């Protein structure tokens, strides 16, 4: 059975000082937050990385693993392609502690990334903020949407 995946971006937490910082987390089955509720990070940068890795997963061979890194802290989400349409997610802390998050649809993972990226882009546009990572994210999301 597949788990539900979403990426929660708290647009009300966003701050800007050359970089865009805000609360972001992976959410499994609507209640399990990784790395945790209220996790703050450089959202434009990590969403770029994650969108690139999701795009790579589409074309990856089975059993290939990609990491969804966070900038703050030695943590990541490892995504292993299990079938042509499903990936297994594992939360990794300090390379020692691993928590199986579940198996999710690759399509749903892509949709979650696209949705969170659009939320960020819309919030940043409303505030009139600009930076290089955001412009790169606009292009990365467009590319991800084509797959």
N, C-alpha and C. Protein backbone atom coordinates (compact mmCIF):
# COMPACT_ATOMS: atom_id res chain seq x y z
N UNK A 1 0.84 -1.19 0.00
CA UNK A 1 0.00 0.00 0.00
C UNK A 1 0.88 1.25 0.00
N UNK A 2 0.52 2.18 -0.83
CA UNK A 2 1.28 3.41 -0.92
C UNK A 2 0.88 4.40 0.17
N UNK A 3 1.85 5.14 0.64
CA UNK A 3 1.60 6.21 1.59
C UNK A 3 1.33 7.50 0.83
N UNK A 4 0.62 8.41 1.47
CA UNK A 4 0.39 9.74 0.90
C UNK A 4 1.59 10.63 1.23
N UNK A 5 2.03 11.43 0.27
CA UNK A 5 3.15 12.35 0.49
C UNK A 5 2.72 13.77 0.14
N UNK A 6 3.18 14.70 0.95
CA UNK A 6 3.04 16.12 0.62
C UNK A 6 4.28 16.83 1.16
N UNK A 7 4.47 18.02 0.69
CA UNK A 7 5.56 18.86 1.21
C UNK A 7 4.90 20.12 1.73
N UNK A 8 5.05 20.34 3.02
CA UNK A 8 4.41 21.48 3.65
C UNK A 8 5.37 22.65 3.70
N UNK A 9 4.98 23.73 3.06
CA UNK A 9 5.73 24.98 3.09
C UNK A 9 4.86 26.01 3.79
N UNK A 10 5.32 26.53 4.90
CA UNK A 10 4.58 27.55 5.63
C UNK A 10 4.94 28.92 5.05
N UNK A 11 4.10 29.42 4.16
CA UNK A 11 4.42 30.69 3.49
C UNK A 11 4.44 31.86 4.47
N UNK A 12 3.75 31.73 5.60
CA UNK A 12 3.74 32.80 6.61
C UNK A 12 5.06 32.87 7.39
N UNK A 13 5.87 31.83 7.29
CA UNK A 13 7.16 31.81 8.00
C UNK A 13 8.30 32.38 7.16
N UNK A 14 8.04 32.69 5.90
CA UNK A 14 9.12 33.10 4.99
C UNK A 14 9.73 34.43 5.40
N UNK A 15 11.05 34.48 5.36
CA UNK A 15 11.80 35.72 5.57
C UNK A 15 12.80 35.84 4.43
N UNK A 16 13.23 37.07 4.20
CA UNK A 16 14.14 37.33 3.08
C UNK A 16 15.24 38.29 3.49
N UNK A 17 16.46 37.86 3.23
CA UNK A 17 17.64 38.70 3.37
C UNK A 17 18.69 38.10 2.45
N UNK A 18 18.57 38.36 1.17
CA UNK A 18 19.34 37.74 0.09
C UNK A 18 18.97 36.28 -0.12
N UNK A 19 18.64 35.56 0.91
CA UNK A 19 18.17 34.18 0.82
C UNK A 19 16.76 34.10 1.40
N UNK A 20 16.00 33.14 0.92
CA UNK A 20 14.64 32.95 1.39
C UNK A 20 14.64 31.77 2.37
N UNK A 21 14.24 32.06 3.59
CA UNK A 21 14.22 31.06 4.67
C UNK A 21 12.78 30.89 5.12
N UNK A 22 12.41 29.64 5.39
CA UNK A 22 11.06 29.37 5.88
C UNK A 22 10.93 27.94 6.34
N UNK A 23 9.77 27.64 6.89
CA UNK A 23 9.50 26.30 7.41
C UNK A 23 9.05 25.38 6.28
N UNK A 24 9.69 24.21 6.20
CA UNK A 24 9.39 23.23 5.17
C UNK A 24 9.63 21.83 5.72
N UNK A 25 8.76 20.90 5.32
CA UNK A 25 8.90 19.51 5.78
C UNK A 25 8.19 18.57 4.82
N UNK A 26 8.68 17.34 4.75
CA UNK A 26 7.97 16.26 4.08
C UNK A 26 6.90 15.78 5.06
N UNK A 27 5.72 15.47 4.54
CA UNK A 27 4.63 14.97 5.39
C UNK A 27 4.13 13.66 4.79
N UNK A 28 4.14 12.62 5.60
CA UNK A 28 3.66 11.30 5.19
C UNK A 28 2.33 11.03 5.88
N UNK A 29 1.36 10.63 5.08
CA UNK A 29 0.02 10.28 5.58
C UNK A 29 -0.59 11.37 6.45
N UNK A 30 -0.34 12.61 6.10
CA UNK A 30 -0.98 13.80 6.69
C UNK A 30 -0.56 14.13 8.12
N UNK A 31 0.30 13.32 8.75
CA UNK A 31 0.61 13.61 10.16
C UNK A 31 2.06 13.35 10.56
N UNK A 32 2.85 12.62 9.78
CA UNK A 32 4.26 12.38 10.13
C UNK A 32 5.13 13.38 9.39
N UNK A 33 5.78 14.27 10.14
CA UNK A 33 6.60 15.34 9.56
C UNK A 33 8.07 14.98 9.62
N UNK A 34 8.78 15.15 8.50
CA UNK A 34 10.22 14.91 8.43
C UNK A 34 10.88 16.15 7.83
N UNK A 35 11.87 16.76 8.44
CA UNK A 35 12.49 16.40 9.71
C UNK A 35 11.65 16.74 10.91
N UNK A 36 10.65 17.60 10.78
CA UNK A 36 9.77 17.91 11.90
C UNK A 36 8.96 19.14 11.58
N UNK A 37 7.83 19.29 12.26
CA UNK A 37 7.01 20.47 12.06
C UNK A 37 7.80 21.69 12.52
N UNK A 38 7.79 22.75 11.72
CA UNK A 38 8.51 23.96 12.08
C UNK A 38 9.97 23.94 11.68
N UNK A 39 10.40 22.94 10.89
CA UNK A 39 11.79 22.90 10.42
C UNK A 39 12.03 24.07 9.49
N UNK A 40 13.05 24.86 9.79
CA UNK A 40 13.38 26.05 8.99
C UNK A 40 14.61 25.77 8.13
N UNK A 41 14.54 26.21 6.88
CA UNK A 41 15.65 25.97 5.96
C UNK A 41 15.62 27.00 4.84
N UNK A 42 16.61 26.91 3.97
CA UNK A 42 16.71 27.78 2.80
C UNK A 42 15.82 27.18 1.71
N UNK A 43 14.57 27.59 1.67
CA UNK A 43 13.55 26.88 0.90
C UNK A 43 13.78 26.90 -0.61
N UNK A 44 14.21 28.00 -1.17
CA UNK A 44 14.43 28.04 -2.63
C UNK A 44 15.56 27.09 -3.03
N UNK A 45 16.59 27.04 -2.23
CA UNK A 45 17.73 26.18 -2.52
C UNK A 45 17.33 24.71 -2.42
N UNK A 46 16.69 24.31 -1.31
CA UNK A 46 16.36 22.90 -1.15
C UNK A 46 15.30 22.45 -2.15
N UNK A 47 14.34 23.30 -2.45
CA UNK A 47 13.35 22.91 -3.45
C UNK A 47 13.98 22.70 -4.82
N UNK A 48 14.99 23.50 -5.16
CA UNK A 48 15.75 23.29 -6.40
C UNK A 48 16.40 21.91 -6.40
N UNK A 49 17.10 21.59 -5.33
CA UNK A 49 17.78 20.30 -5.22
C UNK A 49 16.77 19.17 -5.34
N UNK A 50 15.66 19.28 -4.60
CA UNK A 50 14.67 18.22 -4.57
C UNK A 50 14.01 18.02 -5.94
N UNK A 51 13.69 19.12 -6.60
CA UNK A 51 13.07 19.02 -7.93
C UNK A 51 14.03 18.37 -8.93
N UNK A 52 15.31 18.72 -8.86
CA UNK A 52 16.31 18.08 -9.72
C UNK A 52 16.39 16.58 -9.47
N UNK A 53 16.37 16.20 -8.20
CA UNK A 53 16.46 14.77 -7.86
C UNK A 53 15.18 14.02 -8.23
N UNK A 54 14.04 14.65 -8.10
CA UNK A 54 12.79 14.00 -8.52
C UNK A 54 12.81 13.77 -10.03
N UNK A 55 13.32 14.73 -10.76
CA UNK A 55 13.42 14.58 -12.22
C UNK A 55 14.37 13.44 -12.57
N UNK A 56 15.47 13.33 -11.84
CA UNK A 56 16.43 12.25 -12.07
C UNK A 56 15.81 10.89 -11.74
N UNK A 57 14.98 10.83 -10.70
CA UNK A 57 14.33 9.58 -10.32
C UNK A 57 13.42 9.05 -11.43
N UNK A 58 12.81 9.94 -12.19
CA UNK A 58 11.93 9.52 -13.27
C UNK A 58 12.67 8.61 -14.25
N UNK A 59 13.92 8.95 -14.53
CA UNK A 59 14.71 8.22 -15.53
C UNK A 59 15.68 7.22 -14.92
N UNK A 60 15.76 7.17 -13.61
CA UNK A 60 16.72 6.30 -12.91
C UNK A 60 16.35 4.83 -13.07
N UNK A 61 17.36 3.97 -13.07
CA UNK A 61 17.06 2.52 -13.06
C UNK A 61 16.50 2.11 -11.70
N UNK A 62 15.87 0.96 -11.64
CA UNK A 62 15.34 0.46 -10.38
C UNK A 62 16.46 0.30 -9.36
N UNK A 63 16.12 0.53 -8.11
CA UNK A 63 17.02 0.43 -6.95
C UNK A 63 17.99 1.61 -6.83
N UNK A 64 17.95 2.55 -7.77
CA UNK A 64 18.80 3.76 -7.68
C UNK A 64 18.25 4.65 -6.57
N UNK A 65 19.16 5.28 -5.82
CA UNK A 65 18.76 6.14 -4.70
C UNK A 65 19.26 7.56 -4.93
N UNK A 66 18.38 8.52 -4.65
CA UNK A 66 18.73 9.93 -4.69
C UNK A 66 18.43 10.54 -3.33
N UNK A 67 19.23 11.54 -2.95
CA UNK A 67 19.06 12.18 -1.65
C UNK A 67 18.38 13.52 -1.78
N UNK A 68 17.42 13.74 -0.91
CA UNK A 68 16.75 15.03 -0.80
C UNK A 68 17.36 15.69 0.44
N UNK A 69 18.39 16.49 0.19
CA UNK A 69 19.20 17.10 1.25
C UNK A 69 18.50 18.32 1.87
N UNK A 70 18.88 18.62 3.08
CA UNK A 70 18.51 19.86 3.75
C UNK A 70 19.80 20.63 3.98
N UNK A 71 19.73 21.95 3.98
CA UNK A 71 20.93 22.76 4.21
C UNK A 71 21.29 22.81 5.69
N UNK A 72 20.28 22.89 6.53
CA UNK A 72 20.52 23.00 7.97
C UNK A 72 20.53 21.61 8.60
N UNK A 73 21.69 21.18 9.01
CA UNK A 73 21.78 19.89 9.70
C UNK A 73 22.20 18.76 8.79
N UNK A 74 22.79 17.72 9.37
CA UNK A 74 23.25 16.56 8.59
C UNK A 74 22.12 15.54 8.40
N UNK A 75 21.04 16.00 7.75
CA UNK A 75 19.89 15.12 7.54
C UNK A 75 19.51 15.12 6.07
N UNK A 76 18.81 14.03 5.68
CA UNK A 76 18.36 13.93 4.30
C UNK A 76 17.25 12.90 4.22
N UNK A 77 16.57 12.91 3.11
CA UNK A 77 15.58 11.90 2.81
C UNK A 77 16.14 11.11 1.63
N UNK A 78 16.33 9.81 1.81
CA UNK A 78 16.82 8.96 0.73
C UNK A 78 15.60 8.40 0.00
N UNK A 79 15.59 8.56 -1.32
CA UNK A 79 14.48 8.08 -2.15
C UNK A 79 15.02 7.00 -3.08
N UNK A 80 14.57 5.76 -2.88
CA UNK A 80 15.02 4.63 -3.69
C UNK A 80 13.88 4.23 -4.64
N UNK A 81 14.21 4.17 -5.92
CA UNK A 81 13.21 3.79 -6.92
C UNK A 81 12.97 2.29 -6.83
N UNK A 82 11.74 1.92 -6.44
CA UNK A 82 11.40 0.51 -6.23
C UNK A 82 10.75 -0.11 -7.47
N UNK A 83 9.92 0.66 -8.14
CA UNK A 83 9.28 0.24 -9.39
C UNK A 83 9.33 1.44 -10.32
N UNK A 84 8.78 1.30 -11.50
CA UNK A 84 8.76 2.42 -12.45
C UNK A 84 7.94 3.59 -11.91
N UNK A 85 7.04 3.32 -10.96
CA UNK A 85 6.15 4.37 -10.49
C UNK A 85 6.23 4.66 -8.99
N UNK A 86 7.00 3.88 -8.22
CA UNK A 86 7.03 4.01 -6.77
C UNK A 86 8.44 4.19 -6.22
N UNK A 87 8.55 4.99 -5.16
CA UNK A 87 9.83 5.18 -4.48
C UNK A 87 9.66 4.95 -2.98
N UNK A 88 10.71 4.40 -2.38
CA UNK A 88 10.74 4.18 -0.93
C UNK A 88 11.51 5.33 -0.31
N UNK A 89 10.92 5.97 0.69
CA UNK A 89 11.56 7.11 1.36
C UNK A 89 12.06 6.71 2.74
N UNK A 90 13.28 7.12 3.04
CA UNK A 90 13.90 6.87 4.35
C UNK A 90 14.49 8.17 4.86
N UNK A 91 14.17 8.52 6.10
CA UNK A 91 14.72 9.70 6.74
C UNK A 91 16.05 9.31 7.38
N UNK A 92 17.14 10.02 7.02
CA UNK A 92 18.48 9.68 7.49
C UNK A 92 19.04 10.86 8.29
N UNK A 93 19.45 10.58 9.52
CA UNK A 93 20.08 11.58 10.38
C UNK A 93 21.51 11.15 10.67
N UNK A 94 22.46 12.03 10.44
CA UNK A 94 23.87 11.76 10.76
C UNK A 94 24.40 10.47 10.14
N UNK A 95 23.78 9.98 9.09
CA UNK A 95 24.15 8.74 8.38
C UNK A 95 24.02 7.48 9.25
N UNK A 96 23.58 7.60 10.48
CA UNK A 96 23.47 6.44 11.37
C UNK A 96 22.02 6.09 11.65
N UNK A 97 21.24 7.08 12.02
CA UNK A 97 19.86 6.86 12.39
C UNK A 97 18.99 6.92 11.14
N UNK A 98 18.25 5.84 10.87
CA UNK A 98 17.40 5.77 9.68
C UNK A 98 15.98 5.38 10.08
N UNK A 99 15.03 6.11 9.52
CA UNK A 99 13.62 5.85 9.79
C UNK A 99 12.91 5.67 8.46
N UNK A 100 12.32 4.49 8.24
CA UNK A 100 11.56 4.25 7.03
C UNK A 100 10.30 5.10 7.07
N UNK A 101 10.12 5.93 6.05
CA UNK A 101 8.95 6.80 5.98
C UNK A 101 7.81 6.11 5.25
N UNK A 102 8.13 5.26 4.29
CA UNK A 102 7.11 4.55 3.54
C UNK A 102 7.38 4.59 2.05
N UNK A 103 6.50 3.97 1.29
CA UNK A 103 6.60 3.95 -0.16
C UNK A 103 5.53 4.86 -0.72
N UNK A 104 5.94 5.71 -1.65
CA UNK A 104 5.03 6.71 -2.22
C UNK A 104 5.09 6.64 -3.74
N UNK A 105 4.08 7.18 -4.35
CA UNK A 105 4.03 7.30 -5.80
C UNK A 105 5.01 8.37 -6.25
N UNK A 106 5.81 8.06 -7.26
CA UNK A 106 6.73 9.04 -7.82
C UNK A 106 5.96 10.23 -8.37
N UNK A 107 4.82 9.98 -8.97
CA UNK A 107 3.98 11.06 -9.51
C UNK A 107 3.49 11.98 -8.39
N UNK A 108 3.10 11.39 -7.26
CA UNK A 108 2.63 12.20 -6.14
C UNK A 108 3.78 13.00 -5.53
N UNK A 109 4.98 12.42 -5.49
CA UNK A 109 6.15 13.15 -5.01
C UNK A 109 6.44 14.34 -5.92
N UNK A 110 6.41 14.11 -7.22
CA UNK A 110 6.60 15.21 -8.17
C UNK A 110 5.55 16.31 -7.98
N UNK A 111 4.28 15.90 -7.85
CA UNK A 111 3.20 16.87 -7.66
C UNK A 111 3.39 17.68 -6.38
N UNK A 112 3.83 17.01 -5.31
CA UNK A 112 4.07 17.70 -4.04
C UNK A 112 5.18 18.75 -4.19
N UNK A 113 6.23 18.39 -4.91
CA UNK A 113 7.33 19.34 -5.14
C UNK A 113 6.89 20.52 -6.00
N UNK A 114 6.12 20.24 -7.02
CA UNK A 114 5.62 21.30 -7.90
C UNK A 114 4.71 22.24 -7.11
N UNK A 115 3.82 21.68 -6.31
CA UNK A 115 2.90 22.50 -5.52
C UNK A 115 3.66 23.39 -4.53
N UNK A 116 4.59 22.81 -3.79
CA UNK A 116 5.37 23.61 -2.81
C UNK A 116 6.18 24.69 -3.52
N UNK A 117 6.74 24.36 -4.68
CA UNK A 117 7.53 25.33 -5.43
C UNK A 117 6.66 26.48 -5.91
N UNK A 118 5.45 26.16 -6.39
CA UNK A 118 4.53 27.22 -6.83
C UNK A 118 4.08 28.09 -5.66
N UNK A 119 3.87 27.47 -4.50
CA UNK A 119 3.52 28.25 -3.31
C UNK A 119 4.63 29.25 -2.98
N UNK A 120 5.87 28.78 -3.04
CA UNK A 120 7.00 29.66 -2.76
C UNK A 120 7.10 30.77 -3.81
N UNK A 121 7.03 30.40 -5.07
CA UNK A 121 7.15 31.40 -6.14
C UNK A 121 6.05 32.45 -6.02
N UNK A 122 4.82 32.03 -5.77
CA UNK A 122 3.71 32.99 -5.62
C UNK A 122 3.93 33.91 -4.42
N UNK A 123 4.37 33.37 -3.29
CA UNK A 123 4.60 34.19 -2.09
C UNK A 123 5.73 35.18 -2.33
N UNK A 124 6.78 34.74 -2.99
CA UNK A 124 7.93 35.61 -3.26
C UNK A 124 7.53 36.72 -4.24
N UNK A 125 6.75 36.37 -5.25
CA UNK A 125 6.28 37.37 -6.21
C UNK A 125 5.40 38.42 -5.52
N UNK A 126 4.52 37.98 -4.60
CA UNK A 126 3.66 38.92 -3.86
C UNK A 126 4.50 39.89 -3.04
N UNK A 127 5.63 39.41 -2.51
CA UNK A 127 6.49 40.24 -1.67
C UNK A 127 7.52 41.03 -2.47
N UNK A 128 7.65 40.75 -3.76
CA UNK A 128 8.61 41.46 -4.60
C UNK A 128 10.06 41.07 -4.34
N UNK A 129 10.28 39.86 -3.81
CA UNK A 129 11.63 39.40 -3.53
C UNK A 129 12.22 38.76 -4.79
N UNK A 130 13.54 38.81 -4.89
CA UNK A 130 14.23 38.17 -6.01
C UNK A 130 15.58 37.65 -5.54
N UNK A 131 15.96 36.51 -6.09
CA UNK A 131 17.33 36.03 -5.94
C UNK A 131 17.59 34.98 -7.01
N UNK A 132 18.83 34.61 -7.16
CA UNK A 132 19.24 33.68 -8.21
C UNK A 132 18.60 32.30 -8.04
N UNK A 133 18.52 31.81 -6.81
CA UNK A 133 17.96 30.49 -6.56
C UNK A 133 16.49 30.42 -6.96
N UNK A 134 15.76 31.50 -6.74
CA UNK A 134 14.35 31.52 -7.11
C UNK A 134 14.19 31.46 -8.63
N UNK A 135 15.02 32.19 -9.35
CA UNK A 135 14.94 32.15 -10.81
C UNK A 135 15.29 30.76 -11.33
N UNK A 136 16.27 30.14 -10.71
CA UNK A 136 16.63 28.77 -11.09
C UNK A 136 15.47 27.81 -10.78
N UNK A 137 14.79 28.01 -9.65
CA UNK A 137 13.66 27.16 -9.27
C UNK A 137 12.54 27.26 -10.30
N UNK A 138 12.29 28.45 -10.81
CA UNK A 138 11.24 28.62 -11.83
C UNK A 138 11.52 27.69 -13.02
N UNK A 139 12.77 27.64 -13.47
CA UNK A 139 13.14 26.80 -14.62
C UNK A 139 13.11 25.31 -14.27
N UNK A 140 13.58 24.98 -13.07
CA UNK A 140 13.60 23.58 -12.64
C UNK A 140 12.20 23.02 -12.55
N UNK A 141 11.26 23.80 -12.02
CA UNK A 141 9.88 23.34 -11.87
C UNK A 141 9.24 23.15 -13.25
N UNK A 142 9.50 24.06 -14.15
CA UNK A 142 8.98 23.89 -15.52
C UNK A 142 9.47 22.59 -16.14
N UNK A 143 10.75 22.30 -15.94
CA UNK A 143 11.32 21.05 -16.48
C UNK A 143 10.67 19.84 -15.80
N UNK A 144 10.49 19.90 -14.49
CA UNK A 144 9.87 18.78 -13.77
C UNK A 144 8.44 18.53 -14.24
N UNK A 145 7.72 19.60 -14.56
CA UNK A 145 6.34 19.47 -15.00
C UNK A 145 6.23 18.76 -16.35
N UNK A 146 7.28 18.77 -17.14
CA UNK A 146 7.20 18.14 -18.47
C UNK A 146 7.36 16.63 -18.40
N UNK A 147 7.75 16.08 -17.26
CA UNK A 147 7.97 14.63 -17.14
C UNK A 147 6.81 13.98 -16.41
